[in-house]
Amino acid sequence: MIVRPADVETETEEGNPILARRLVRRDRHGEALSLTWVSLDGRHRRLVCHESDRVYYILDGAARFRVGEEPEATVTGGDVVVIPRATPYDFDGRVTYLVMNGPAFRPGSDVWLD
């Protein structure tokens, strides 16, 4: 199966300054994994997901990530951020990234911490 981003609707998320395209989705492609293209311009609220591990692949721009108890770190294009399930995190910046969830993201699985 080939997924073309131009064929996928963009979505927004209340409380976060993002524009997203859910390219590989649980409801269409199975429960194993998901992949979403995202553009962020601002601060993404602090959250935790108890259902999935996440991998952020930074395409371009820059962001500051705060993952669990680790010191805040700046990431740029080509960097990868790994978020183990049940680890609180937040980030901010002007950045475009891909986020993969395993198992696949389920809407409503994020718990907002602020």
N, C-alpha and C. Protein backbone atom coordinates (compact mmCIF):
# COMPACT_ATOMS: atom_id res chain seq x y z
N MET A 1 0.84 -1.17 0.00
CA MET A 1 0.00 0.00 0.00
C MET A 1 0.89 1.25 0.00
N ILE A 2 0.54 2.20 -0.80
CA ILE A 2 1.25 3.47 -0.87
C ILE A 2 0.33 4.56 -0.33
N VAL A 3 0.86 5.37 0.57
CA VAL A 3 0.12 6.49 1.13
C VAL A 3 0.80 7.77 0.65
N ARG A 4 0.04 8.61 0.01
CA ARG A 4 0.57 9.88 -0.47
C ARG A 4 0.07 11.00 0.45
N PRO A 5 0.99 11.74 1.08
CA PRO A 5 0.56 12.78 2.02
C PRO A 5 -0.46 13.76 1.43
N ALA A 6 -0.32 14.09 0.16
CA ALA A 6 -1.25 15.03 -0.46
C ALA A 6 -2.69 14.49 -0.49
N ASP A 7 -2.84 13.16 -0.36
CA ASP A 7 -4.17 12.55 -0.37
C ASP A 7 -4.77 12.43 1.03
N VAL A 8 -4.02 12.83 2.06
CA VAL A 8 -4.47 12.69 3.45
C VAL A 8 -4.87 14.05 3.99
N GLU A 9 -6.06 14.13 4.60
CA GLU A 9 -6.54 15.38 5.16
C GLU A 9 -5.64 15.88 6.28
N THR A 10 -5.52 17.20 6.38
CA THR A 10 -4.81 17.77 7.52
C THR A 10 -5.79 17.89 8.68
N GLU A 11 -5.23 17.79 9.89
CA GLU A 11 -6.02 17.89 11.11
C GLU A 11 -5.33 18.87 12.05
N THR A 12 -6.11 19.45 12.93
CA THR A 12 -5.58 20.28 14.01
C THR A 12 -5.90 19.58 15.33
N GLU A 13 -5.32 20.11 16.41
CA GLU A 13 -5.55 19.51 17.72
C GLU A 13 -5.80 20.63 18.71
N GLU A 14 -6.91 20.56 19.40
CA GLU A 14 -7.24 21.59 20.37
C GLU A 14 -6.16 21.68 21.45
N GLY A 15 -5.71 22.89 21.72
CA GLY A 15 -4.71 23.10 22.76
C GLY A 15 -3.28 23.02 22.30
N ASN A 16 -3.04 22.61 21.06
CA ASN A 16 -1.68 22.52 20.52
C ASN A 16 -1.62 23.17 19.15
N PRO A 17 -0.57 23.98 18.89
CA PRO A 17 -0.46 24.68 17.60
C PRO A 17 0.13 23.78 16.51
N ILE A 18 -0.62 22.74 16.14
CA ILE A 18 -0.11 21.78 15.16
C ILE A 18 -1.04 21.66 13.96
N LEU A 19 -0.44 21.21 12.88
CA LEU A 19 -1.13 20.78 11.68
C LEU A 19 -0.60 19.38 11.42
N ALA A 20 -1.49 18.39 11.25
CA ALA A 20 -1.05 16.99 11.17
C ALA A 20 -1.73 16.25 10.03
N ARG A 21 -1.03 15.23 9.53
CA ARG A 21 -1.58 14.28 8.55
C ARG A 21 -1.29 12.88 9.11
N ARG A 22 -2.35 12.16 9.49
CA ARG A 22 -2.18 10.80 10.00
C ARG A 22 -2.02 9.86 8.81
N LEU A 23 -0.78 9.55 8.47
CA LEU A 23 -0.45 8.80 7.26
C LEU A 23 -0.71 7.31 7.41
N VAL A 24 -0.28 6.73 8.51
CA VAL A 24 -0.52 5.31 8.80
C VAL A 24 -1.35 5.29 10.08
N ARG A 25 -2.56 4.74 9.97
CA ARG A 25 -3.53 4.85 11.06
C ARG A 25 -4.02 3.49 11.53
N ARG A 26 -4.31 3.41 12.80
CA ARG A 26 -4.85 2.20 13.41
C ARG A 26 -6.12 1.74 12.69
N ASP A 27 -7.04 2.66 12.42
CA ASP A 27 -8.34 2.29 11.85
C ASP A 27 -8.26 1.89 10.37
N ARG A 28 -7.16 2.18 9.70
CA ARG A 28 -7.03 1.84 8.28
C ARG A 28 -5.91 0.83 7.99
N HIS A 29 -4.89 0.81 8.85
CA HIS A 29 -3.68 0.03 8.54
C HIS A 29 -3.31 -0.99 9.59
N GLY A 30 -4.07 -1.09 10.66
CA GLY A 30 -3.80 -2.10 11.68
C GLY A 30 -3.27 -1.51 12.97
N GLU A 31 -3.18 -2.35 13.97
CA GLU A 31 -2.85 -1.91 15.33
C GLU A 31 -1.36 -1.89 15.65
N ALA A 32 -0.52 -2.37 14.74
CA ALA A 32 0.90 -2.51 15.07
C ALA A 32 1.62 -1.17 15.20
N LEU A 33 1.40 -0.25 14.26
CA LEU A 33 2.10 1.03 14.32
C LEU A 33 1.34 2.10 13.58
N SER A 34 1.70 3.33 13.88
CA SER A 34 1.13 4.48 13.17
C SER A 34 2.24 5.46 12.85
N LEU A 35 1.98 6.32 11.87
CA LEU A 35 2.95 7.33 11.46
C LEU A 35 2.19 8.60 11.10
N THR A 36 2.62 9.71 11.70
CA THR A 36 1.95 10.99 11.47
C THR A 36 2.98 12.05 11.13
N TRP A 37 2.68 12.84 10.10
CA TRP A 37 3.48 14.01 9.74
C TRP A 37 2.88 15.18 10.52
N VAL A 38 3.75 16.00 11.15
CA VAL A 38 3.25 17.11 11.97
C VAL A 38 4.11 18.35 11.76
N SER A 39 3.46 19.49 11.73
CA SER A 39 4.12 20.79 11.75
C SER A 39 3.68 21.49 13.03
N LEU A 40 4.64 21.90 13.85
CA LEU A 40 4.37 22.58 15.12
C LEU A 40 4.98 23.97 15.08
N ASP A 41 4.23 24.96 15.54
CA ASP A 41 4.74 26.32 15.66
C ASP A 41 4.31 26.86 17.02
N GLY A 42 5.11 26.55 18.05
CA GLY A 42 4.77 26.98 19.40
C GLY A 42 5.06 25.89 20.41
N ARG A 43 4.25 25.84 21.47
CA ARG A 43 4.44 24.89 22.56
C ARG A 43 3.42 23.76 22.49
N HIS A 44 3.90 22.53 22.54
CA HIS A 44 3.05 21.34 22.61
C HIS A 44 2.87 21.02 24.09
N ARG A 45 1.63 20.89 24.52
CA ARG A 45 1.32 20.64 25.93
C ARG A 45 2.01 19.38 26.46
N ARG A 46 2.33 19.39 27.76
CA ARG A 46 2.94 18.22 28.41
C ARG A 46 1.92 17.10 28.44
N LEU A 47 2.39 15.88 28.14
CA LEU A 47 1.51 14.73 28.07
C LEU A 47 2.24 13.46 28.43
N VAL A 48 1.46 12.39 28.56
CA VAL A 48 2.00 11.05 28.73
C VAL A 48 1.07 10.10 27.99
N CYS A 49 1.65 9.06 27.40
CA CYS A 49 0.88 8.01 26.74
C CYS A 49 1.30 6.68 27.37
N HIS A 50 0.32 5.98 27.95
CA HIS A 50 0.62 4.71 28.62
C HIS A 50 0.47 3.52 27.67
N GLU A 51 0.06 3.77 26.43
CA GLU A 51 -0.22 2.69 25.48
C GLU A 51 0.87 2.45 24.45
N SER A 52 1.64 3.48 24.10
CA SER A 52 2.58 3.36 22.98
C SER A 52 3.95 3.94 23.32
N ASP A 53 4.97 3.34 22.74
CA ASP A 53 6.28 3.98 22.65
C ASP A 53 6.21 4.90 21.44
N ARG A 54 6.98 5.98 21.46
CA ARG A 54 6.96 6.94 20.36
C ARG A 54 8.37 7.25 19.91
N VAL A 55 8.49 7.48 18.61
CA VAL A 55 9.75 7.93 18.02
C VAL A 55 9.43 9.16 17.17
N TYR A 56 10.11 10.25 17.48
CA TYR A 56 10.00 11.48 16.71
C TYR A 56 11.22 11.60 15.82
N TYR A 57 11.00 11.75 14.52
CA TYR A 57 12.09 12.00 13.57
C TYR A 57 11.94 13.43 13.10
N ILE A 58 12.90 14.27 13.40
CA ILE A 58 12.82 15.69 13.07
C ILE A 58 13.21 15.89 11.60
N LEU A 59 12.29 16.44 10.82
CA LEU A 59 12.54 16.69 9.40
C LEU A 59 13.26 18.02 9.19
N ASP A 60 12.73 19.08 9.80
CA ASP A 60 13.39 20.38 9.70
C ASP A 60 12.92 21.27 10.83
N GLY A 61 13.63 22.37 11.00
CA GLY A 61 13.35 23.28 12.09
C GLY A 61 14.09 22.87 13.34
N ALA A 62 13.63 23.40 14.47
CA ALA A 62 14.26 23.10 15.75
C ALA A 62 13.21 23.09 16.85
N ALA A 63 13.43 22.26 17.86
CA ALA A 63 12.53 22.18 19.00
C ALA A 63 13.32 21.84 20.25
N ARG A 64 12.78 22.23 21.39
CA ARG A 64 13.34 21.86 22.68
C ARG A 64 12.42 20.80 23.29
N PHE A 65 12.98 19.63 23.58
CA PHE A 65 12.23 18.53 24.18
C PHE A 65 12.61 18.39 25.65
N ARG A 66 11.62 18.12 26.48
CA ARG A 66 11.82 17.76 27.88
C ARG A 66 11.16 16.40 28.06
N VAL A 67 11.98 15.35 28.22
CA VAL A 67 11.51 13.97 28.28
C VAL A 67 11.77 13.42 29.68
N GLY A 68 10.68 13.09 30.38
CA GLY A 68 10.82 12.55 31.73
C GLY A 68 11.64 13.47 32.60
N GLU A 69 12.65 12.92 33.28
CA GLU A 69 13.51 13.68 34.18
C GLU A 69 14.81 14.12 33.50
N GLU A 70 14.95 13.83 32.20
CA GLU A 70 16.16 14.23 31.49
C GLU A 70 16.22 15.75 31.33
N PRO A 71 17.42 16.31 31.22
CA PRO A 71 17.52 17.75 30.97
C PRO A 71 16.92 18.09 29.60
N GLU A 72 16.40 19.28 29.50
CA GLU A 72 15.86 19.76 28.23
C GLU A 72 16.96 19.71 27.16
N ALA A 73 16.59 19.33 25.94
CA ALA A 73 17.57 19.24 24.85
C ALA A 73 16.97 19.81 23.57
N THR A 74 17.81 20.47 22.79
CA THR A 74 17.38 21.01 21.50
C THR A 74 17.68 20.00 20.40
N VAL A 75 16.69 19.82 19.51
CA VAL A 75 16.85 18.90 18.38
C VAL A 75 16.62 19.68 17.09
N THR A 76 17.26 19.19 16.02
CA THR A 76 17.13 19.80 14.70
C THR A 76 17.00 18.69 13.66
N GLY A 77 16.85 19.07 12.40
CA GLY A 77 16.66 18.13 11.31
C GLY A 77 17.61 16.95 11.35
N GLY A 78 17.06 15.74 11.25
CA GLY A 78 17.85 14.52 11.27
C GLY A 78 17.94 13.87 12.65
N ASP A 79 17.61 14.62 13.70
CA ASP A 79 17.66 14.05 15.05
C ASP A 79 16.44 13.17 15.31
N VAL A 80 16.60 12.26 16.27
CA VAL A 80 15.54 11.33 16.66
C VAL A 80 15.34 11.45 18.17
N VAL A 81 14.09 11.50 18.59
CA VAL A 81 13.74 11.54 20.01
C VAL A 81 12.89 10.31 20.30
N VAL A 82 13.32 9.51 21.29
CA VAL A 82 12.60 8.29 21.68
C VAL A 82 11.88 8.57 22.99
N ILE A 83 10.57 8.31 23.00
CA ILE A 83 9.75 8.50 24.19
C ILE A 83 9.19 7.14 24.60
N PRO A 84 9.74 6.53 25.65
CA PRO A 84 9.18 5.26 26.11
C PRO A 84 7.76 5.47 26.66
N ARG A 85 6.91 4.48 26.49
CA ARG A 85 5.54 4.60 27.02
C ARG A 85 5.60 4.95 28.50
N ALA A 86 4.60 5.67 28.95
CA ALA A 86 4.44 6.10 30.34
C ALA A 86 5.46 7.14 30.79
N THR A 87 6.14 7.78 29.83
CA THR A 87 7.11 8.83 30.16
C THR A 87 6.52 10.19 29.81
N PRO A 88 6.36 11.07 30.79
CA PRO A 88 5.84 12.41 30.49
C PRO A 88 6.85 13.20 29.65
N TYR A 89 6.33 14.05 28.77
CA TYR A 89 7.21 14.89 27.96
C TYR A 89 6.44 16.08 27.40
N ASP A 90 7.20 17.07 26.98
CA ASP A 90 6.65 18.21 26.25
C ASP A 90 7.75 18.79 25.38
N PHE A 91 7.37 19.67 24.48
CA PHE A 91 8.35 20.28 23.59
C PHE A 91 7.78 21.55 23.00
N ASP A 92 8.68 22.38 22.47
CA ASP A 92 8.24 23.60 21.81
C ASP A 92 9.25 23.96 20.73
N GLY A 93 8.77 24.73 19.77
CA GLY A 93 9.63 25.19 18.70
C GLY A 93 8.86 25.39 17.43
N ARG A 94 9.62 25.58 16.39
CA ARG A 94 9.08 25.68 15.04
C ARG A 94 9.72 24.54 14.29
N VAL A 95 8.95 23.45 14.07
CA VAL A 95 9.54 22.20 13.65
C VAL A 95 8.54 21.36 12.85
N THR A 96 9.07 20.60 11.92
CA THR A 96 8.28 19.60 11.19
C THR A 96 8.90 18.25 11.50
N TYR A 97 8.05 17.27 11.80
CA TYR A 97 8.55 15.96 12.22
C TYR A 97 7.59 14.84 11.83
N LEU A 98 8.11 13.63 11.87
CA LEU A 98 7.29 12.42 11.78
C LEU A 98 7.28 11.80 13.16
N VAL A 99 6.12 11.32 13.60
CA VAL A 99 6.04 10.61 14.87
C VAL A 99 5.44 9.23 14.61
N MET A 100 6.16 8.20 15.08
CA MET A 100 5.71 6.82 14.93
C MET A 100 5.34 6.30 16.31
N ASN A 101 4.22 5.60 16.39
CA ASN A 101 3.74 5.00 17.63
C ASN A 101 3.67 3.49 17.46
N GLY A 102 4.12 2.77 18.46
CA GLY A 102 4.01 1.32 18.45
C GLY A 102 3.60 0.85 19.85
N PRO A 103 2.44 0.22 20.00
CA PRO A 103 1.44 0.02 18.97
C PRO A 103 0.84 1.34 18.47
N ALA A 104 0.02 1.23 17.44
CA ALA A 104 -0.52 2.41 16.76
C ALA A 104 -1.24 3.35 17.71
N PHE A 105 -1.12 4.64 17.41
CA PHE A 105 -1.81 5.68 18.16
C PHE A 105 -3.31 5.41 18.16
N ARG A 106 -3.91 5.58 19.32
CA ARG A 106 -5.35 5.50 19.46
C ARG A 106 -5.84 6.84 19.95
N PRO A 107 -6.70 7.53 19.17
CA PRO A 107 -7.22 8.82 19.65
C PRO A 107 -7.79 8.67 21.06
N GLY A 108 -7.42 9.61 21.90
CA GLY A 108 -7.88 9.59 23.29
C GLY A 108 -6.88 8.94 24.24
N SER A 109 -5.78 8.38 23.71
CA SER A 109 -4.82 7.70 24.57
C SER A 109 -3.82 8.65 25.24
N ASP A 110 -3.70 9.86 24.75
CA ASP A 110 -2.82 10.84 25.39
C ASP A 110 -3.49 11.39 26.63
N VAL A 111 -2.71 11.53 27.70
CA VAL A 111 -3.20 12.15 28.93
C VAL A 111 -2.47 13.48 29.06
N TRP A 112 -3.22 14.58 29.07
CA TRP A 112 -2.62 15.91 29.16
C TRP A 112 -2.29 16.20 30.61
N LEU A 113 -1.10 16.72 30.85
CA LEU A 113 -0.62 16.96 32.20
C LEU A 113 -0.66 18.43 32.60
N ASP A 114 -1.04 19.31 31.69
CA ASP A 114 -1.21 20.72 32.04
C ASP A 114 -2.35 21.32 31.27
